[in-house]
Amino acid sequence: MSRKAIGELGLDKLVHERARLMILTYLASSSEPETGFTELRDELGFTAGNLSTQLRVLEEAGYVALHKEFRGARPYTGVRLEPAGKKALEEYLKELEIIVASLKSTR
């Protein structure tokens, strides 16, 4: 692949940001359809504020869905990867594979 073609890749800026990439990857690799906010926060090592901010951006893009409920007397926020988020992550990874393949072909 030429350098010009690499420059034409559309690496999704929403996915490319480290924290959002971590969130999408975690959700996509989960065997469960939904992950709790607390689990995401703890497993990814985020502060609650940072995770909330990143989830809001992903939700506005339609990449994740959030729902809130009470479980017993405790609030619970569930996070689901939406089809658009799964597709965006897959496209992003395909583009990264193109970049890696172009590097390997020059050696």
N, C-alpha and C. Protein backbone atom coordinates (compact mmCIF):
# COMPACT_ATOMS: atom_id res chain seq x y z
N MET A 1 0.85 -1.17 0.00
CA MET A 1 0.00 0.00 0.00
C MET A 1 0.90 1.24 0.00
N SER A 2 0.54 2.21 -0.76
CA SER A 2 1.34 3.42 -0.86
C SER A 2 1.12 4.32 0.36
N ARG A 3 2.07 5.22 0.56
CA ARG A 3 1.93 6.17 1.67
C ARG A 3 0.68 7.02 1.50
N LYS A 4 0.39 7.39 0.26
CA LYS A 4 -0.80 8.20 0.01
C LYS A 4 -2.05 7.43 0.42
N ALA A 5 -2.12 6.15 0.07
CA ALA A 5 -3.29 5.36 0.42
C ALA A 5 -3.45 5.25 1.94
N ILE A 6 -2.34 5.13 2.65
CA ILE A 6 -2.41 5.07 4.11
C ILE A 6 -2.99 6.38 4.64
N GLY A 7 -2.59 7.48 4.06
CA GLY A 7 -3.09 8.78 4.48
C GLY A 7 -4.57 8.96 4.22
N GLU A 8 -5.12 8.13 3.36
CA GLU A 8 -6.55 8.22 3.04
C GLU A 8 -7.42 7.35 3.94
N LEU A 9 -6.79 6.58 4.83
CA LEU A 9 -7.56 5.78 5.76
C LEU A 9 -8.35 6.72 6.67
N GLY A 10 -9.52 6.28 7.06
CA GLY A 10 -10.41 7.16 7.81
C GLY A 10 -10.42 6.96 9.30
N LEU A 11 -9.42 6.34 9.89
CA LEU A 11 -9.40 6.05 11.32
C LEU A 11 -10.38 6.92 12.12
N ASP A 12 -11.43 6.28 12.56
CA ASP A 12 -12.50 6.94 13.31
C ASP A 12 -11.93 7.59 14.56
N LYS A 13 -12.00 8.90 14.65
CA LYS A 13 -11.43 9.62 15.79
C LYS A 13 -12.12 9.29 17.10
N LEU A 14 -13.39 8.93 17.04
CA LEU A 14 -14.08 8.55 18.26
C LEU A 14 -13.52 7.24 18.82
N VAL A 15 -13.20 6.32 17.93
CA VAL A 15 -12.66 5.03 18.35
C VAL A 15 -11.18 5.16 18.68
N HIS A 16 -10.48 6.01 17.95
CA HIS A 16 -9.02 6.12 18.07
C HIS A 16 -8.57 6.61 19.43
N GLU A 17 -9.37 7.40 20.10
CA GLU A 17 -8.98 7.91 21.42
C GLU A 17 -8.82 6.73 22.37
N ARG A 18 -7.70 6.69 23.08
CA ARG A 18 -7.30 5.53 23.89
C ARG A 18 -8.41 5.02 24.82
N ALA A 19 -9.00 5.89 25.62
CA ALA A 19 -10.01 5.45 26.58
C ALA A 19 -11.22 4.85 25.88
N ARG A 20 -11.68 5.47 24.80
CA ARG A 20 -12.85 4.95 24.09
C ARG A 20 -12.52 3.64 23.39
N LEU A 21 -11.30 3.50 22.87
CA LEU A 21 -10.88 2.24 22.27
C LEU A 21 -10.89 1.13 23.32
N MET A 22 -10.41 1.45 24.51
CA MET A 22 -10.41 0.46 25.60
C MET A 22 -11.84 0.05 25.96
N ILE A 23 -12.73 1.00 26.05
CA ILE A 23 -14.13 0.71 26.40
C ILE A 23 -14.77 -0.18 25.34
N LEU A 24 -14.65 0.21 24.08
CA LEU A 24 -15.26 -0.56 23.00
C LEU A 24 -14.68 -1.97 22.92
N THR A 25 -13.37 -2.07 23.09
CA THR A 25 -12.72 -3.38 23.05
C THR A 25 -13.19 -4.26 24.20
N TYR A 26 -13.30 -3.69 25.39
CA TYR A 26 -13.76 -4.44 26.55
C TYR A 26 -15.18 -4.95 26.32
N LEU A 27 -16.05 -4.06 25.87
CA LEU A 27 -17.44 -4.47 25.63
C LEU A 27 -17.54 -5.52 24.53
N ALA A 28 -16.77 -5.34 23.46
CA ALA A 28 -16.83 -6.28 22.33
C ALA A 28 -16.29 -7.66 22.71
N SER A 29 -15.37 -7.71 23.66
CA SER A 29 -14.76 -8.98 24.03
C SER A 29 -15.50 -9.67 25.19
N SER A 30 -16.51 -9.03 25.72
CA SER A 30 -17.26 -9.60 26.84
C SER A 30 -18.21 -10.69 26.35
N SER A 31 -18.35 -11.71 27.16
CA SER A 31 -19.32 -12.76 26.84
C SER A 31 -20.73 -12.36 27.24
N GLU A 32 -20.85 -11.29 27.99
CA GLU A 32 -22.15 -10.78 28.43
C GLU A 32 -22.63 -9.67 27.51
N PRO A 33 -23.93 -9.54 27.29
CA PRO A 33 -24.44 -8.47 26.43
C PRO A 33 -24.35 -7.09 27.07
N GLU A 34 -24.22 -7.06 28.40
CA GLU A 34 -24.18 -5.79 29.12
C GLU A 34 -23.12 -5.85 30.21
N THR A 35 -22.47 -4.72 30.42
CA THR A 35 -21.45 -4.61 31.46
C THR A 35 -21.83 -3.45 32.37
N GLY A 36 -21.66 -3.64 33.64
CA GLY A 36 -21.96 -2.57 34.59
C GLY A 36 -20.90 -1.48 34.58
N PHE A 37 -21.35 -0.27 34.85
CA PHE A 37 -20.46 0.89 34.91
C PHE A 37 -19.31 0.63 35.87
N THR A 38 -19.62 0.10 37.05
CA THR A 38 -18.60 -0.14 38.07
C THR A 38 -17.56 -1.14 37.60
N GLU A 39 -18.01 -2.18 36.92
CA GLU A 39 -17.07 -3.17 36.38
C GLU A 39 -16.14 -2.51 35.36
N LEU A 40 -16.71 -1.74 34.45
CA LEU A 40 -15.89 -1.04 33.45
C LEU A 40 -14.87 -0.13 34.13
N ARG A 41 -15.34 0.65 35.08
CA ARG A 41 -14.46 1.58 35.80
C ARG A 41 -13.30 0.84 36.45
N ASP A 42 -13.62 -0.23 37.16
CA ASP A 42 -12.59 -0.96 37.89
C ASP A 42 -11.65 -1.73 36.97
N GLU A 43 -12.19 -2.41 35.99
CA GLU A 43 -11.36 -3.23 35.09
C GLU A 43 -10.46 -2.39 34.20
N LEU A 44 -10.93 -1.22 33.81
CA LEU A 44 -10.13 -0.38 32.91
C LEU A 44 -9.30 0.66 33.65
N GLY A 45 -9.52 0.78 34.96
CA GLY A 45 -8.73 1.70 35.76
C GLY A 45 -9.04 3.17 35.54
N PHE A 46 -10.29 3.47 35.22
CA PHE A 46 -10.72 4.85 34.99
C PHE A 46 -11.29 5.44 36.27
N THR A 47 -11.32 6.75 36.32
CA THR A 47 -12.10 7.40 37.37
C THR A 47 -13.55 7.39 36.89
N ALA A 48 -14.47 7.54 37.82
CA ALA A 48 -15.88 7.57 37.45
C ALA A 48 -16.17 8.73 36.51
N GLY A 49 -15.54 9.88 36.78
CA GLY A 49 -15.77 11.05 35.93
C GLY A 49 -15.26 10.85 34.51
N ASN A 50 -14.08 10.28 34.37
CA ASN A 50 -13.53 10.05 33.03
C ASN A 50 -14.37 9.04 32.28
N LEU A 51 -14.76 7.96 32.94
CA LEU A 51 -15.58 6.96 32.28
C LEU A 51 -16.92 7.56 31.85
N SER A 52 -17.54 8.35 32.72
CA SER A 52 -18.81 8.99 32.37
C SER A 52 -18.67 9.86 31.13
N THR A 53 -17.59 10.64 31.09
CA THR A 53 -17.35 11.52 29.94
C THR A 53 -17.19 10.72 28.66
N GLN A 54 -16.39 9.67 28.70
CA GLN A 54 -16.15 8.86 27.50
C GLN A 54 -17.41 8.12 27.07
N LEU A 55 -18.17 7.62 28.02
CA LEU A 55 -19.42 6.93 27.69
C LEU A 55 -20.43 7.88 27.06
N ARG A 56 -20.46 9.11 27.53
CA ARG A 56 -21.38 10.10 26.96
C ARG A 56 -21.05 10.32 25.48
N VAL A 57 -19.76 10.45 25.17
CA VAL A 57 -19.35 10.64 23.78
C VAL A 57 -19.74 9.43 22.93
N LEU A 58 -19.49 8.24 23.45
CA LEU A 58 -19.84 7.02 22.71
C LEU A 58 -21.35 6.86 22.56
N GLU A 59 -22.09 7.24 23.58
CA GLU A 59 -23.55 7.15 23.51
C GLU A 59 -24.10 8.13 22.48
N GLU A 60 -23.58 9.35 22.47
CA GLU A 60 -24.03 10.36 21.50
C GLU A 60 -23.75 9.90 20.06
N ALA A 61 -22.69 9.13 19.87
CA ALA A 61 -22.35 8.61 18.54
C ALA A 61 -23.18 7.38 18.19
N GLY A 62 -23.91 6.84 19.15
CA GLY A 62 -24.70 5.63 18.91
C GLY A 62 -23.89 4.35 19.01
N TYR A 63 -22.69 4.45 19.60
CA TYR A 63 -21.80 3.29 19.71
C TYR A 63 -22.10 2.42 20.94
N VAL A 64 -22.64 3.04 21.98
CA VAL A 64 -23.05 2.29 23.17
C VAL A 64 -24.42 2.79 23.61
N ALA A 65 -25.09 1.98 24.40
CA ALA A 65 -26.37 2.38 25.01
C ALA A 65 -26.22 2.19 26.51
N LEU A 66 -26.78 3.13 27.24
CA LEU A 66 -26.76 3.08 28.70
C LEU A 66 -28.18 2.96 29.21
N HIS A 67 -28.34 2.21 30.27
CA HIS A 67 -29.63 2.23 30.95
C HIS A 67 -29.39 2.21 32.45
N LYS A 68 -30.27 2.90 33.14
CA LYS A 68 -30.13 3.03 34.59
C LYS A 68 -31.34 2.42 35.26
N GLU A 69 -31.06 1.77 36.37
CA GLU A 69 -32.12 1.16 37.16
C GLU A 69 -31.63 1.04 38.59
N PHE A 70 -32.51 0.62 39.45
CA PHE A 70 -32.12 0.30 40.82
C PHE A 70 -32.15 -1.21 40.96
N ARG A 71 -31.12 -1.73 41.56
CA ARG A 71 -31.05 -3.15 41.91
C ARG A 71 -31.04 -3.20 43.43
N GLY A 72 -32.20 -3.53 43.96
CA GLY A 72 -32.37 -3.38 45.40
C GLY A 72 -32.42 -1.89 45.68
N ALA A 73 -31.60 -1.45 46.60
CA ALA A 73 -31.57 -0.02 46.93
C ALA A 73 -30.40 0.69 46.23
N ARG A 74 -29.68 -0.03 45.38
CA ARG A 74 -28.48 0.55 44.75
C ARG A 74 -28.72 0.90 43.29
N PRO A 75 -28.22 2.05 42.88
CA PRO A 75 -28.32 2.40 41.45
C PRO A 75 -27.37 1.54 40.63
N TYR A 76 -27.80 1.21 39.44
CA TYR A 76 -27.00 0.40 38.51
C TYR A 76 -27.08 1.05 37.13
N THR A 77 -25.92 1.18 36.49
CA THR A 77 -25.88 1.65 35.12
C THR A 77 -25.29 0.54 34.27
N GLY A 78 -26.05 0.08 33.30
CA GLY A 78 -25.59 -0.95 32.38
C GLY A 78 -25.14 -0.32 31.07
N VAL A 79 -24.09 -0.89 30.49
CA VAL A 79 -23.54 -0.38 29.24
C VAL A 79 -23.55 -1.52 28.22
N ARG A 80 -24.13 -1.25 27.06
CA ARG A 80 -24.19 -2.23 25.97
C ARG A 80 -23.50 -1.68 24.74
N LEU A 81 -22.80 -2.55 24.04
CA LEU A 81 -22.22 -2.18 22.75
C LEU A 81 -23.32 -2.26 21.71
N GLU A 82 -23.53 -1.19 21.00
CA GLU A 82 -24.55 -1.15 19.95
C GLU A 82 -23.97 -1.65 18.63
N PRO A 83 -24.81 -2.10 17.70
CA PRO A 83 -24.30 -2.56 16.39
C PRO A 83 -23.40 -1.52 15.71
N ALA A 84 -23.74 -0.25 15.82
CA ALA A 84 -22.91 0.80 15.19
C ALA A 84 -21.53 0.85 15.85
N GLY A 85 -21.46 0.63 17.15
CA GLY A 85 -20.18 0.61 17.85
C GLY A 85 -19.35 -0.59 17.47
N LYS A 86 -20.00 -1.73 17.33
CA LYS A 86 -19.29 -2.94 16.91
C LYS A 86 -18.73 -2.76 15.50
N LYS A 87 -19.54 -2.20 14.62
CA LYS A 87 -19.09 -1.97 13.25
C LYS A 87 -17.94 -0.97 13.21
N ALA A 88 -18.05 0.11 13.98
CA ALA A 88 -16.99 1.12 14.02
C ALA A 88 -15.68 0.53 14.51
N LEU A 89 -15.75 -0.32 15.53
CA LEU A 89 -14.55 -0.96 16.06
C LEU A 89 -13.95 -1.91 15.02
N GLU A 90 -14.80 -2.69 14.35
CA GLU A 90 -14.31 -3.61 13.33
C GLU A 90 -13.63 -2.87 12.18
N GLU A 91 -14.24 -1.77 11.74
CA GLU A 91 -13.64 -0.97 10.66
C GLU A 91 -12.31 -0.37 11.09
N TYR A 92 -12.25 0.10 12.30
CA TYR A 92 -11.02 0.68 12.85
C TYR A 92 -9.92 -0.38 12.85
N LEU A 93 -10.24 -1.59 13.33
CA LEU A 93 -9.25 -2.65 13.38
C LEU A 93 -8.80 -3.08 11.99
N LYS A 94 -9.70 -3.09 11.03
CA LYS A 94 -9.32 -3.40 9.64
C LYS A 94 -8.31 -2.39 9.12
N GLU A 95 -8.54 -1.12 9.43
CA GLU A 95 -7.62 -0.08 8.98
C GLU A 95 -6.26 -0.22 9.66
N LEU A 96 -6.25 -0.58 10.93
CA LEU A 96 -4.98 -0.82 11.60
C LEU A 96 -4.24 -1.99 10.97
N GLU A 97 -4.98 -3.03 10.58
CA GLU A 97 -4.36 -4.18 9.92
C GLU A 97 -3.72 -3.76 8.59
N ILE A 98 -4.35 -2.86 7.87
CA ILE A 98 -3.78 -2.34 6.62
C ILE A 98 -2.46 -1.63 6.91
N ILE A 99 -2.44 -0.84 7.96
CA ILE A 99 -1.23 -0.11 8.31
C ILE A 99 -0.11 -1.09 8.68
N VAL A 100 -0.43 -2.07 9.51
CA VAL A 100 0.57 -3.05 9.92
C VAL A 100 1.08 -3.83 8.71
N ALA A 101 0.18 -4.24 7.82
CA ALA A 101 0.58 -4.99 6.63
C ALA A 101 1.49 -4.16 5.74
N SER A 102 1.23 -2.85 5.65
CA SER A 102 2.08 -2.01 4.81
C SER A 102 3.46 -1.88 5.41
N LEU A 103 3.56 -1.86 6.72
CA LEU A 103 4.86 -1.83 7.38
C LEU A 103 5.65 -3.12 7.16
N LYS A 104 4.95 -4.23 7.26
CA LYS A 104 5.60 -5.53 7.06
C LYS A 104 6.08 -5.70 5.62
N SER A 105 5.36 -5.15 4.68
CA SER A 105 5.73 -5.32 3.26
C SER A 105 6.95 -4.50 2.88
N THR A 106 7.32 -3.52 3.69
CA THR A 106 8.49 -2.69 3.38
C THR A 106 9.77 -3.22 4.00
N ARG A 107 9.70 -4.29 4.72
CA ARG A 107 10.89 -4.85 5.38
C ARG A 107 11.54 -5.90 4.56
